[in-house]
Amino acid sequence: MLRNITFLFAATCLLSACGTTTGERAASGAGVGAAVGAGAAAVTGGDVGTGAVVGGGVGAATGAATDEGDIDLDD
């Protein structure tokens, strides 16, 4: 269970860097983070709404803190 949550968190961090501007990265990070947070809460029996809010916040912060060059997707 913990391994799945760790994998989902790592995937969120990687995907949160998608976008060319800080706003785009924050928005994509928020979306992915909310989905992962809600999924993790559902799997662990927590409140899905709270998981989505927390995940969205973490994803947005991670996306905003990254730089366009942090992740090279072979572009």
N, C-alpha and C. Protein backbone atom coordinates (compact mmCIF):
# COMPACT_ATOMS: atom_id res chain seq x y z
N MET A 1 0.83 -1.19 0.00
CA MET A 1 0.00 0.00 0.00
C MET A 1 0.88 1.26 0.00
N LEU A 2 1.85 1.29 0.91
CA LEU A 2 2.73 2.45 0.98
C LEU A 2 3.55 2.60 -0.30
N ARG A 3 3.92 1.47 -0.89
CA ARG A 3 4.69 1.52 -2.14
C ARG A 3 3.86 2.15 -3.25
N ASN A 4 2.57 1.83 -3.32
CA ASN A 4 1.69 2.43 -4.33
C ASN A 4 1.56 3.93 -4.13
N ILE A 5 1.41 4.35 -2.91
CA ILE A 5 1.29 5.78 -2.62
C ILE A 5 2.58 6.50 -2.97
N THR A 6 3.72 5.89 -2.65
CA THR A 6 5.00 6.48 -2.99
C THR A 6 5.16 6.61 -4.50
N PHE A 7 4.76 5.58 -5.24
CA PHE A 7 4.83 5.64 -6.70
C PHE A 7 3.94 6.75 -7.25
N LEU A 8 2.72 6.86 -6.72
CA LEU A 8 1.81 7.90 -7.19
C LEU A 8 2.35 9.30 -6.89
N PHE A 9 2.96 9.46 -5.73
CA PHE A 9 3.55 10.75 -5.39
C PHE A 9 4.70 11.09 -6.33
N ALA A 10 5.56 10.10 -6.63
CA ALA A 10 6.67 10.34 -7.56
C ALA A 10 6.15 10.69 -8.95
N ALA A 11 5.12 10.01 -9.39
CA ALA A 11 4.53 10.31 -10.70
C ALA A 11 3.96 11.72 -10.72
N THR A 12 3.35 12.14 -9.63
CA THR A 12 2.83 13.49 -9.54
C THR A 12 3.93 14.51 -9.65
N CYS A 13 5.02 14.27 -8.96
CA CYS A 13 6.15 15.21 -9.01
C CYS A 13 6.71 15.31 -10.42
N LEU A 14 6.83 14.20 -11.10
CA LEU A 14 7.36 14.22 -12.46
C LEU A 14 6.41 14.93 -13.42
N LEU A 15 5.13 14.64 -13.32
CA LEU A 15 4.16 15.23 -14.24
C LEU A 15 3.86 16.68 -13.92
N SER A 16 4.15 17.11 -12.73
CA SER A 16 3.84 18.49 -12.38
C SER A 16 4.74 19.48 -13.10
N ALA A 17 5.82 19.00 -13.70
CA ALA A 17 6.71 19.89 -14.43
C ALA A 17 6.30 20.07 -15.88
N CYS A 18 5.18 19.51 -16.30
CA CYS A 18 4.70 19.66 -17.67
C CYS A 18 4.18 21.07 -17.87
N GLY A 19 4.71 21.75 -18.87
CA GLY A 19 4.28 23.12 -19.18
C GLY A 19 5.49 24.00 -19.40
N THR A 20 5.27 25.09 -20.11
CA THR A 20 6.40 25.97 -20.40
C THR A 20 6.46 27.17 -19.47
N THR A 21 5.34 27.56 -18.89
CA THR A 21 5.35 28.69 -17.96
C THR A 21 5.09 28.19 -16.54
N THR A 22 5.39 29.02 -15.59
CA THR A 22 5.16 28.65 -14.20
C THR A 22 3.69 28.38 -13.94
N GLY A 23 2.82 29.18 -14.52
CA GLY A 23 1.39 28.98 -14.34
C GLY A 23 0.89 27.67 -14.93
N GLU A 24 1.41 27.31 -16.11
CA GLU A 24 1.03 26.04 -16.73
C GLU A 24 1.49 24.86 -15.89
N ARG A 25 2.72 24.94 -15.38
CA ARG A 25 3.23 23.85 -14.54
C ARG A 25 2.45 23.75 -13.24
N ALA A 26 2.08 24.89 -12.65
CA ALA A 26 1.30 24.87 -11.41
C ALA A 26 -0.09 24.29 -11.67
N ALA A 27 -0.70 24.65 -12.80
CA ALA A 27 -2.04 24.15 -13.12
C ALA A 27 -2.02 22.65 -13.39
N SER A 28 -1.05 22.20 -14.18
CA SER A 28 -1.00 20.76 -14.47
C SER A 28 -0.63 19.99 -13.20
N GLY A 29 0.23 20.55 -12.38
CA GLY A 29 0.58 19.91 -11.12
C GLY A 29 -0.61 19.81 -10.19
N ALA A 30 -1.44 20.85 -10.16
CA ALA A 30 -2.63 20.83 -9.31
C ALA A 30 -3.60 19.76 -9.77
N GLY A 31 -3.80 19.66 -11.07
CA GLY A 31 -4.72 18.65 -11.59
C GLY A 31 -4.26 17.24 -11.31
N VAL A 32 -3.01 16.98 -11.60
CA VAL A 32 -2.47 15.64 -11.36
C VAL A 32 -2.43 15.35 -9.87
N GLY A 33 -2.02 16.32 -9.08
CA GLY A 33 -1.96 16.14 -7.63
C GLY A 33 -3.32 15.87 -7.02
N ALA A 34 -4.34 16.56 -7.49
CA ALA A 34 -5.69 16.34 -6.98
C ALA A 34 -6.17 14.93 -7.30
N ALA A 35 -5.88 14.49 -8.52
CA ALA A 35 -6.29 13.13 -8.91
C ALA A 35 -5.56 12.08 -8.08
N VAL A 36 -4.28 12.26 -7.91
CA VAL A 36 -3.49 11.30 -7.13
C VAL A 36 -3.90 11.34 -5.66
N GLY A 37 -4.12 12.53 -5.12
CA GLY A 37 -4.53 12.65 -3.73
C GLY A 37 -5.88 12.00 -3.47
N ALA A 38 -6.82 12.21 -4.40
CA ALA A 38 -8.14 11.59 -4.25
C ALA A 38 -8.04 10.07 -4.36
N GLY A 39 -7.22 9.61 -5.31
CA GLY A 39 -7.04 8.16 -5.47
C GLY A 39 -6.38 7.52 -4.27
N ALA A 40 -5.37 8.18 -3.74
CA ALA A 40 -4.68 7.64 -2.57
C ALA A 40 -5.60 7.61 -1.36
N ALA A 41 -6.42 8.65 -1.21
CA ALA A 41 -7.37 8.68 -0.09
C ALA A 41 -8.42 7.58 -0.23
N ALA A 42 -8.87 7.35 -1.45
CA ALA A 42 -9.87 6.31 -1.67
C ALA A 42 -9.31 4.93 -1.36
N VAL A 43 -8.06 4.71 -1.75
CA VAL A 43 -7.43 3.41 -1.53
C VAL A 43 -7.17 3.17 -0.04
N THR A 44 -6.79 4.22 0.67
CA THR A 44 -6.45 4.06 2.09
C THR A 44 -7.64 4.25 3.02
N GLY A 45 -8.82 4.56 2.46
CA GLY A 45 -10.00 4.73 3.29
C GLY A 45 -10.15 6.11 3.88
N GLY A 46 -9.40 7.08 3.37
CA GLY A 46 -9.50 8.45 3.86
C GLY A 46 -10.58 9.22 3.14
N ASP A 47 -10.71 10.49 3.47
CA ASP A 47 -11.69 11.36 2.85
C ASP A 47 -11.17 11.79 1.48
N VAL A 48 -11.91 11.46 0.44
CA VAL A 48 -11.48 11.72 -0.93
C VAL A 48 -11.35 13.22 -1.20
N GLY A 49 -12.27 14.02 -0.68
CA GLY A 49 -12.21 15.46 -0.87
C GLY A 49 -10.96 16.07 -0.25
N THR A 50 -10.66 15.66 0.95
CA THR A 50 -9.46 16.16 1.61
C THR A 50 -8.20 15.72 0.86
N GLY A 51 -8.19 14.47 0.40
CA GLY A 51 -7.05 13.98 -0.38
C GLY A 51 -6.85 14.79 -1.65
N ALA A 52 -7.96 15.14 -2.32
CA ALA A 52 -7.87 15.93 -3.54
C ALA A 52 -7.33 17.33 -3.26
N VAL A 53 -7.79 17.94 -2.18
CA VAL A 53 -7.33 19.29 -1.84
C VAL A 53 -5.85 19.28 -1.48
N VAL A 54 -5.45 18.34 -0.64
CA VAL A 54 -4.04 18.26 -0.24
C VAL A 54 -3.16 17.93 -1.45
N GLY A 55 -3.58 16.95 -2.24
CA GLY A 55 -2.81 16.58 -3.42
C GLY A 55 -2.72 17.71 -4.43
N GLY A 56 -3.81 18.43 -4.62
CA GLY A 56 -3.79 19.57 -5.53
C GLY A 56 -2.86 20.66 -5.06
N GLY A 57 -2.85 20.92 -3.77
CA GLY A 57 -1.93 21.93 -3.23
C GLY A 57 -0.48 21.54 -3.38
N VAL A 58 -0.18 20.29 -3.08
CA VAL A 58 1.21 19.81 -3.22
C VAL A 58 1.61 19.81 -4.69
N GLY A 59 0.72 19.37 -5.57
CA GLY A 59 1.04 19.36 -6.99
C GLY A 59 1.25 20.75 -7.55
N ALA A 60 0.41 21.70 -7.15
CA ALA A 60 0.56 23.07 -7.62
C ALA A 60 1.86 23.69 -7.13
N ALA A 61 2.17 23.45 -5.87
CA ALA A 61 3.43 23.99 -5.33
C ALA A 61 4.64 23.37 -6.02
N THR A 62 4.58 22.07 -6.26
CA THR A 62 5.69 21.40 -6.94
C THR A 62 5.82 21.91 -8.36
N GLY A 63 4.70 22.04 -9.07
CA GLY A 63 4.74 22.54 -10.44
C GLY A 63 5.28 23.96 -10.52
N ALA A 64 4.88 24.80 -9.59
CA ALA A 64 5.35 26.18 -9.60
C ALA A 64 6.83 26.28 -9.23
N ALA A 65 7.31 25.33 -8.45
CA ALA A 65 8.71 25.38 -8.00
C ALA A 65 9.67 24.80 -9.03
N THR A 66 9.15 24.12 -10.04
CA THR A 66 10.03 23.53 -11.04
C THR A 66 10.31 24.51 -12.16
N ASP A 67 11.35 24.21 -12.89
CA ASP A 67 11.75 25.01 -14.04
C ASP A 67 11.52 24.19 -15.30
N GLU A 68 11.31 24.85 -16.41
CA GLU A 68 11.06 24.16 -17.67
C GLU A 68 12.15 23.14 -18.00
N GLY A 69 13.37 23.43 -17.62
CA GLY A 69 14.49 22.54 -17.93
C GLY A 69 14.73 21.45 -16.91
N ASP A 70 13.93 21.41 -15.82
CA ASP A 70 14.15 20.40 -14.78
C ASP A 70 13.94 18.98 -15.29
N ILE A 71 12.97 18.81 -16.17
CA ILE A 71 12.68 17.49 -16.71
C ILE A 71 12.74 17.56 -18.22
N ASP A 72 13.60 16.74 -18.82
CA ASP A 72 13.75 16.69 -20.26
C ASP A 72 13.00 15.48 -20.78
N LEU A 73 11.89 15.73 -21.47
CA LEU A 73 11.10 14.64 -22.02
C LEU A 73 11.49 14.39 -23.48
N ASP A 74 12.75 14.61 -23.78
CA ASP A 74 13.32 14.37 -25.10
C ASP A 74 12.67 15.25 -26.16
N ASP A 75 12.42 16.52 -25.79
CA ASP A 75 11.81 17.48 -26.74
C ASP A 75 12.88 18.13 -27.57
